[in-house]
Amino acid sequence: MYRKIDDFIKDWKVNCAGTIAIMESITEDKKHVSIVEGHNSLEFLSWHLTNAPSFFFGLIGQPLNVQLNPSTPPQTIKDIIYEYKKVSDEVVKNVKNLKDESLEKEVDMLGKPTPIGEILRSLVDHQTHHRAQMQVLLRQAGLPVPGVMGPTKEQSKA
């Protein structure tokens, strides 16, 4: 749980940089790769991570100023990355409207009273979770896997 807005912003920026690195490894010809047919693809997960902050910020009563259709991704991964960067910047801008004290305020999160600071932590954790899935899919697709929270096996050999 976050207790300081600045701590969330620092974590968010680092987390987003890693997410962007993963998205930038996706090629157009491999964006539909999924673990098995019918499961989430690299493209789906990229678009999901672009849209997810709007859900979390809606929970805390701070809607983001973005106009996205979760069911209709842009045509290219490059366009998804562009939208993701805009959303990421909007998160930082929007969270600055909060005060440190407000992070302890409880709001409803899917039927459970939850402190805003915990919801922000869940946003970062949610992104980290899907980012890890994407790293596995990148490897499965034969694409380069960027080191995000440390070097990859390939980077360790270099």
C-alpha atoms as a PDB file:
ATOM      1  CA  MET A   1       0.000   0.000   0.000  1.00  0.00           C
ATOM      2  CA  TYR A   2       1.255   3.441  -0.873  1.00  0.00           C
ATOM      3  CA  ARG A   3       1.298   6.108   1.795  1.00  0.00           C
ATOM      4  CA  LYS A   4       3.038   8.804  -0.257  1.00  0.00           C
ATOM      5  CA  ILE A   5       1.978  10.031  -3.701  1.00  0.00           C
ATOM      6  CA  ASP A   6       5.619  10.516  -4.689  1.00  0.00           C
ATOM      7  CA  ASP A   7       6.378   6.861  -3.915  1.00  0.00           C
ATOM      8  CA  PHE A   8       3.594   5.748  -6.245  1.00  0.00           C
ATOM      9  CA  ILE A   9       4.783   8.109  -8.991  1.00  0.00           C
ATOM     10  CA  LYS A  10       8.360   6.799  -8.764  1.00  0.00           C
ATOM     11  CA  ASP A  11       7.197   3.168  -8.893  1.00  0.00           C
ATOM     12  CA  TRP A  12       4.733   3.884 -11.690  1.00  0.00           C
ATOM     13  CA  LYS A  13       7.333   5.552 -13.908  1.00  0.00           C
ATOM     14  CA  VAL A  14       9.834   2.701 -13.458  1.00  0.00           C
ATOM     15  CA  ASN A  15       7.120   0.097 -13.998  1.00  0.00           C
ATOM     16  CA  CYS A  16       5.880   1.836 -17.135  1.00  0.00           C
ATOM     17  CA  ALA A  17       9.387   2.056 -18.586  1.00  0.00           C
ATOM     18  CA  GLY A  18       9.643  -1.724 -18.287  1.00  0.00           C
ATOM     19  CA  THR A  19       6.224  -2.195 -19.822  1.00  0.00           C
ATOM     20  CA  ILE A  20       7.149   0.035 -22.756  1.00  0.00           C
ATOM     21  CA  ALA A  21      10.357  -1.964 -23.296  1.00  0.00           C
ATOM     22  CA  ILE A  22       8.298  -5.145 -23.492  1.00  0.00           C
ATOM     23  CA  MET A  23       5.757  -3.611 -25.870  1.00  0.00           C
ATOM     24  CA  GLU A  24       8.566  -2.305 -28.085  1.00  0.00           C
ATOM     25  CA  SER A  25       9.831  -5.882 -28.490  1.00  0.00           C
ATOM     26  CA  ILE A  26       6.554  -6.971 -30.088  1.00  0.00           C
ATOM     27  CA  THR A  27       6.520  -7.151 -33.872  1.00  0.00           C
ATOM     28  CA  GLU A  28       3.425  -6.823 -36.029  1.00  0.00           C
ATOM     29  CA  ASP A  29       3.777 -10.372 -37.326  1.00  0.00           C
ATOM     30  CA  LYS A  30       3.944 -11.792 -33.777  1.00  0.00           C
ATOM     31  CA  LYS A  31       1.432  -9.586 -31.953  1.00  0.00           C
ATOM     32  CA  HIS A  32      -1.226 -12.318 -32.068  1.00  0.00           C
ATOM     33  CA  VAL A  33       0.938 -14.905 -30.285  1.00  0.00           C
ATOM     34  CA  SER A  34      -0.753 -16.420 -27.230  1.00  0.00           C
ATOM     35  CA  ILE A  35       0.206 -19.313 -24.955  1.00  0.00           C
ATOM     36  CA  VAL A  36      -2.511 -21.425 -26.586  1.00  0.00           C
ATOM     37  CA  GLU A  37      -5.332 -20.648 -28.977  1.00  0.00           C
ATOM     38  CA  GLY A  38      -8.057 -18.540 -27.376  1.00  0.00           C
ATOM     39  CA  HIS A  39      -5.871 -17.082 -24.627  1.00  0.00           C
ATOM     40  CA  ASN A  40      -4.596 -13.522 -24.292  1.00  0.00           C
ATOM     41  CA  SER A  41      -2.232 -12.432 -27.051  1.00  0.00           C
ATOM     42  CA  LEU A  42       0.621  -9.946 -26.857  1.00  0.00           C
ATOM     43  CA  GLU A  43      -1.603  -7.409 -28.591  1.00  0.00           C
ATOM     44  CA  PHE A  44      -4.519  -8.044 -26.227  1.00  0.00           C
ATOM     45  CA  LEU A  45      -2.321  -7.728 -23.135  1.00  0.00           C
ATOM     46  CA  SER A  46      -0.723  -4.529 -24.448  1.00  0.00           C
ATOM     47  CA  TRP A  47      -4.117  -2.974 -25.050  1.00  0.00           C
ATOM     48  CA  HIS A  48      -5.436  -4.273 -21.724  1.00  0.00           C
ATOM     49  CA  LEU A  49      -2.554  -2.580 -19.878  1.00  0.00           C
ATOM     50  CA  THR A  50      -3.309   0.615 -21.781  1.00  0.00           C
ATOM     51  CA  ASN A  51      -6.933   0.562 -20.621  1.00  0.00           C
ATOM     52  CA  ALA A  52      -6.559  -0.818 -17.088  1.00  0.00           C
ATOM     53  CA  PRO A  53      -5.533   2.460 -15.387  1.00  0.00           C
ATOM     54  CA  SER A  54      -8.915   3.951 -16.299  1.00  0.00           C
ATOM     55  CA  PHE A  55     -10.627   1.172 -14.350  1.00  0.00           C
ATOM     56  CA  PHE A  56      -8.439   1.613 -11.269  1.00  0.00           C
ATOM     57  CA  PHE A  57      -8.685   5.395 -11.291  1.00  0.00           C
ATOM     58  CA  GLY A  58     -12.450   5.141 -11.697  1.00  0.00           C
ATOM     59  CA  LEU A  59     -12.527   3.126  -8.475  1.00  0.00           C
ATOM     60  CA  ILE A  60     -10.800   5.927  -6.584  1.00  0.00           C
ATOM     61  CA  GLY A  61     -13.048   8.626  -8.041  1.00  0.00           C
ATOM     62  CA  GLN A  62     -10.341  10.168 -10.211  1.00  0.00           C
ATOM     63  CA  PRO A  63     -11.370   9.360 -13.792  1.00  0.00           C
ATOM     64  CA  LEU A  64      -8.592   9.699 -16.340  1.00  0.00           C
ATOM     65  CA  ASN A  65      -8.997  12.126 -19.208  1.00  0.00           C
ATOM     66  CA  VAL A  66      -8.581   9.514 -21.958  1.00  0.00           C
ATOM     67  CA  GLN A  67     -10.907   8.314 -24.675  1.00  0.00           C
ATOM     68  CA  LEU A  68     -10.213   4.643 -25.376  1.00  0.00           C
ATOM     69  CA  ASN A  69     -12.396   1.763 -26.497  1.00  0.00           C
ATOM     70  CA  PRO A  70     -11.189  -1.316 -24.598  1.00  0.00           C
ATOM     71  CA  SER A  71     -12.683  -3.677 -27.178  1.00  0.00           C
ATOM     72  CA  THR A  72     -11.061  -1.989 -30.196  1.00  0.00           C
ATOM     73  CA  PRO A  73      -7.260  -1.769 -30.170  1.00  0.00           C
ATOM     74  CA  PRO A  74      -5.421   0.469 -32.614  1.00  0.00           C
ATOM     75  CA  GLN A  75      -4.156  -1.154 -35.811  1.00  0.00           C
ATOM     76  CA  THR A  76      -0.491  -1.361 -34.813  1.00  0.00           C
ATOM     77  CA  ILE A  77       1.607  -2.073 -31.748  1.00  0.00           C
ATOM     78  CA  LYS A  78       3.287   1.287 -32.358  1.00  0.00           C
ATOM     79  CA  ASP A  79      -0.115   2.971 -31.968  1.00  0.00           C
ATOM     80  CA  ILE A  80      -0.845   0.993 -28.799  1.00  0.00           C
ATOM     81  CA  ILE A  81       2.491   2.144 -27.356  1.00  0.00           C
ATOM     82  CA  TYR A  82       1.614   5.736 -28.236  1.00  0.00           C
ATOM     83  CA  GLU A  83      -1.713   5.445 -26.403  1.00  0.00           C
ATOM     84  CA  TYR A  84      -0.088   3.635 -23.488  1.00  0.00           C
ATOM     85  CA  LYS A  85       2.402   6.478 -23.023  1.00  0.00           C
ATOM     86  CA  LYS A  86      -0.439   9.016 -23.032  1.00  0.00           C
ATOM     87  CA  VAL A  87      -2.347   7.030 -20.404  1.00  0.00           C
ATOM     88  CA  SER A  88       0.780   6.599 -18.300  1.00  0.00           C
ATOM     89  CA  ASP A  89       1.365  10.362 -18.327  1.00  0.00           C
ATOM     90  CA  GLU A  90      -2.292  10.956 -17.465  1.00  0.00           C
ATOM     91  CA  VAL A  91      -1.946   8.656 -14.437  1.00  0.00           C
ATOM     92  CA  VAL A  92       0.931  10.777 -13.108  1.00  0.00           C
ATOM     93  CA  LYS A  93      -0.935  14.006 -13.799  1.00  0.00           C
ATOM     94  CA  ASN A  94      -4.128  12.714 -12.198  1.00  0.00           C
ATOM     95  CA  VAL A  95      -2.583  11.196  -9.070  1.00  0.00           C
ATOM     96  CA  LYS A  96      -1.055  14.585  -8.263  1.00  0.00           C
ATOM     97  CA  ASN A  97      -4.625  15.728  -7.501  1.00  0.00           C
ATOM     98  CA  LEU A  98      -4.523  13.487  -4.426  1.00  0.00           C
ATOM     99  CA  LYS A  99      -2.896  14.209  -1.078  1.00  0.00           C
ATOM    100  CA  ASP A 100      -0.816  11.724   0.888  1.00  0.00           C
ATOM    101  CA  GLU A 101      -3.556  11.568   3.535  1.00  0.00           C
ATOM    102  CA  SER A 102      -6.146  10.533   0.945  1.00  0.00           C
ATOM    103  CA  LEU A 103      -4.260   7.289   0.288  1.00  0.00           C
ATOM    104  CA  GLU A 104      -5.670   5.910   3.554  1.00  0.00           C
ATOM    105  CA  LYS A 105      -9.264   6.754   2.583  1.00  0.00           C
ATOM    106  CA  GLU A 106     -11.295   3.638   1.866  1.00  0.00           C
ATOM    107  CA  VAL A 107     -13.373   3.329  -1.283  1.00  0.00           C
ATOM    108  CA  ASP A 108     -15.259   0.384  -2.743  1.00  0.00           C
ATOM    109  CA  MET A 109     -13.146  -2.044  -4.746  1.00  0.00           C
ATOM    110  CA  LEU A 110     -15.406  -4.736  -6.113  1.00  0.00           C
ATOM    111  CA  GLY A 111     -17.517  -4.851  -2.972  1.00  0.00           C
ATOM    112  CA  LYS A 112     -14.700  -4.487  -0.461  1.00  0.00           C
ATOM    113  CA  PRO A 113     -13.668  -1.293   1.372  1.00  0.00           C
ATOM    114  CA  THR A 114     -10.097  -0.669   0.214  1.00  0.00           C
ATOM    115  CA  PRO A 115      -7.670   2.189   0.888  1.00  0.00           C
ATOM    116  CA  ILE A 116      -6.802   4.233  -2.202  1.00  0.00           C
ATOM    117  CA  GLY A 117      -3.113   3.523  -1.567  1.00  0.00           C
ATOM    118  CA  GLU A 118      -3.848  -0.199  -1.802  1.00  0.00           C
ATOM    119  CA  ILE A 119      -5.745   0.266  -5.065  1.00  0.00           C
ATOM    120  CA  LEU A 120      -2.770   2.125  -6.530  1.00  0.00           C
ATOM    121  CA  ARG A 121      -0.522  -0.748  -5.376  1.00  0.00           C
ATOM    122  CA  SER A 122      -2.923  -3.163  -7.090  1.00  0.00           C
ATOM    123  CA  LEU A 123      -2.615  -1.173 -10.323  1.00  0.00           C
ATOM    124  CA  VAL A 124       1.174  -1.541 -10.307  1.00  0.00           C
ATOM    125  CA  ASP A 125       0.942  -5.218  -9.319  1.00  0.00           C
ATOM    126  CA  HIS A 126      -1.645  -5.848 -12.040  1.00  0.00           C
ATOM    127  CA  GLN A 127       0.660  -4.357 -14.644  1.00  0.00           C
ATOM    128  CA  THR A 128       3.652  -6.340 -13.348  1.00  0.00           C
ATOM    129  CA  HIS A 129       1.611  -9.558 -13.506  1.00  0.00           C
ATOM    130  CA  HIS A 130       0.606  -9.075 -17.140  1.00  0.00           C
ATOM    131  CA  ARG A 131       4.057  -7.839 -18.083  1.00  0.00           C
ATOM    132  CA  ALA A 132       5.496 -11.148 -16.852  1.00  0.00           C
ATOM    133  CA  GLN A 133       2.983 -13.009 -19.008  1.00  0.00           C
ATOM    134  CA  MET A 134       4.115 -10.919 -21.960  1.00  0.00           C
ATOM    135  CA  GLN A 135       7.767 -11.799 -21.355  1.00  0.00           C
ATOM    136  CA  VAL A 136       6.913 -15.497 -21.603  1.00  0.00           C
ATOM    137  CA  LEU A 137       4.965 -14.851 -24.806  1.00  0.00           C
ATOM    138  CA  LEU A 138       7.875 -12.875 -26.274  1.00  0.00           C
ATOM    139  CA  ARG A 139      10.197 -15.808 -25.631  1.00  0.00           C
ATOM    140  CA  GLN A 140       7.636 -18.240 -27.057  1.00  0.00           C
ATOM    141  CA  ALA A 141       7.389 -16.047 -30.178  1.00  0.00           C
ATOM    142  CA  GLY A 142      11.178 -16.004 -30.622  1.00  0.00           C
ATOM    143  CA  LEU A 143      11.350 -12.268 -29.965  1.00  0.00           C
ATOM    144  CA  PRO A 144      13.951 -10.513 -27.799  1.00  0.00           C
ATOM    145  CA  VAL A 145      13.003 -10.362 -24.122  1.00  0.00           C
ATOM    146  CA  PRO A 146      14.104  -7.145 -22.432  1.00  0.00           C
ATOM    147  CA  GLY A 147      15.417  -7.275 -18.897  1.00  0.00           C
ATOM    148  CA  VAL A 148      12.891  -5.374 -16.849  1.00  0.00           C
ATOM    149  CA  MET A 149      13.578  -6.183 -13.210  1.00  0.00           C
ATOM    150  CA  GLY A 150      17.047  -7.532 -13.889  1.00  0.00           C
ATOM    151  CA  PRO A 151      18.960  -9.000 -16.803  1.00  0.00           C
ATOM    152  CA  THR A 152      17.570 -11.808 -18.921  1.00  0.00           C
ATOM    153  CA  LYS A 153      19.549 -14.987 -19.490  1.00  0.00           C
ATOM    154  CA  GLU A 154      20.798 -13.569 -22.797  1.00  0.00           C
ATOM    155  CA  GLN A 155      21.838 -10.286 -21.218  1.00  0.00           C
ATOM    156  CA  SER A 156      23.694 -12.125 -18.447  1.00  0.00           C
ATOM    157  CA  LYS A 157      25.821 -13.926 -21.043  1.00  0.00           C
ATOM    158  CA  ALA A 158      26.788 -10.681 -22.803  1.00  0.00           C
END
